[in-house]
C-alpha cells in the first residue's frame, strides 16, 4: 500500500513572517517561491502546513 502524500507550494514570501513560521517553511523543505514539495501526509507535516497556511498552498494532483 502506497503512503499518502501531500503537495505543498510556497506562494508568498516568508520574509515578513515570524521567525517560528519561517522555520516551519524551511522544515517543510520550501526555500524558493512557487516551489512544490511532495511530503508524507503525517500529523507533524499537517501541523506545519496549518501554522503557515497564509504562506503555502496544498496543490492537487
C-alpha atoms as a PDB file:
ATOM      1  CA  UNK A   1       0.000   0.000   0.000  1.00  0.00           C
ATOM      2  CA  UNK A   2       1.373   3.384  -1.010  1.00  0.00           C
ATOM      3  CA  UNK A   3       1.872   6.043   1.634  1.00  0.00           C
ATOM      4  CA  UNK A   4      -0.324   9.108   1.448  1.00  0.00           C
ATOM      5  CA  UNK A   5       1.397  12.258   0.272  1.00  0.00           C
ATOM      6  CA  UNK A   6       0.525  15.925   0.117  1.00  0.00           C
ATOM      7  CA  UNK A   7       1.934  18.503  -2.325  1.00  0.00           C
ATOM      8  CA  UNK A   8       2.729  21.897  -0.825  1.00  0.00           C
ATOM      9  CA  UNK A   9       3.615  25.077  -2.742  1.00  0.00           C
ATOM     10  CA  UNK A  10       5.204  28.222  -1.295  1.00  0.00           C
ATOM     11  CA  UNK A  11       3.281  31.093  -2.885  1.00  0.00           C
ATOM     12  CA  UNK A  12       4.112  34.018  -0.558  1.00  0.00           C
ATOM     13  CA  UNK A  13       7.485  35.152   0.686  1.00  0.00           C
ATOM     14  CA  UNK A  14       8.264  34.325   4.326  1.00  0.00           C
ATOM     15  CA  UNK A  15      10.460  37.454   4.652  1.00  0.00           C
ATOM     16  CA  UNK A  16       7.985  39.379   6.811  1.00  0.00           C
ATOM     17  CA  UNK A  17       6.765  36.334   8.723  1.00  0.00           C
ATOM     18  CA  UNK A  18       7.550  35.464  12.320  1.00  0.00           C
ATOM     19  CA  UNK A  19      10.811  33.554  12.877  1.00  0.00           C
ATOM     20  CA  UNK A  20       8.952  30.402  14.004  1.00  0.00           C
ATOM     21  CA  UNK A  21       6.850  30.497  10.848  1.00  0.00           C
ATOM     22  CA  UNK A  22       9.964  30.890   8.696  1.00  0.00           C
ATOM     23  CA  UNK A  23      11.404  27.845  10.454  1.00  0.00           C
ATOM     24  CA  UNK A  24       8.251  25.863   9.647  1.00  0.00           C
ATOM     25  CA  UNK A  25       8.538  26.786   5.963  1.00  0.00           C
ATOM     26  CA  UNK A  26      12.166  25.662   5.994  1.00  0.00           C
ATOM     27  CA  UNK A  27      11.149  22.482   7.820  1.00  0.00           C
ATOM     28  CA  UNK A  28       8.721  21.720   5.004  1.00  0.00           C
ATOM     29  CA  UNK A  29      11.693  21.955   2.627  1.00  0.00           C
ATOM     30  CA  UNK A  30      10.467  25.069   0.835  1.00  0.00           C
ATOM     31  CA  UNK A  31      13.206  27.558   0.002  1.00  0.00           C
ATOM     32  CA  UNK A  32      12.106  29.312  -3.212  1.00  0.00           C
ATOM     33  CA  UNK A  33       8.912  30.976  -4.346  1.00  0.00           C
ATOM     34  CA  UNK A  34       6.463  28.701  -6.228  1.00  0.00           C
ATOM     35  CA  UNK A  35       8.495  25.643  -5.251  1.00  0.00           C
ATOM     36  CA  UNK A  36       6.411  22.486  -4.822  1.00  0.00           C
ATOM     37  CA  UNK A  37       7.354  19.647  -2.473  1.00  0.00           C
ATOM     38  CA  UNK A  38       5.642  16.292  -2.140  1.00  0.00           C
ATOM     39  CA  UNK A  39       5.680  15.272   1.519  1.00  0.00           C
ATOM     40  CA  UNK A  40       4.359  12.344   3.505  1.00  0.00           C
ATOM     41  CA  UNK A  41       0.943  13.139   4.979  1.00  0.00           C
ATOM     42  CA  UNK A  42       1.647  12.958   8.723  1.00  0.00           C
ATOM     43  CA  UNK A  43       0.199  14.927  11.646  1.00  0.00           C
ATOM     44  CA  UNK A  44       3.517  16.779  12.030  1.00  0.00           C
ATOM     45  CA  UNK A  45       3.511  17.925   8.403  1.00  0.00           C
ATOM     46  CA  UNK A  46      -0.173  18.884   8.618  1.00  0.00           C
ATOM     47  CA  UNK A  47       0.592  20.931  11.733  1.00  0.00           C
ATOM     48  CA  UNK A  48       3.357  22.846   9.974  1.00  0.00           C
ATOM     49  CA  UNK A  49       1.065  23.493   6.996  1.00  0.00           C
ATOM     50  CA  UNK A  50      -1.679  24.781   9.313  1.00  0.00           C
ATOM     51  CA  UNK A  51       0.782  27.053  11.094  1.00  0.00           C
ATOM     52  CA  UNK A  52       1.857  28.784   7.869  1.00  0.00           C
ATOM     53  CA  UNK A  53      -1.410  28.428   5.939  1.00  0.00           C
ATOM     54  CA  UNK A  54      -1.125  32.039   4.741  1.00  0.00           C
ATOM     55  CA  UNK A  55       2.218  31.317   3.017  1.00  0.00           C
ATOM     56  CA  UNK A  56       1.610  27.914   1.420  1.00  0.00           C
ATOM     57  CA  UNK A  57      -0.967  26.164  -0.734  1.00  0.00           C
ATOM     58  CA  UNK A  58      -1.851  22.495  -0.837  1.00  0.00           C
ATOM     59  CA  UNK A  59      -1.922  21.657  -4.556  1.00  0.00           C
ATOM     60  CA  UNK A  60      -3.989  18.867  -6.039  1.00  0.00           C
ATOM     61  CA  UNK A  61      -2.689  16.154  -8.307  1.00  0.00           C
END
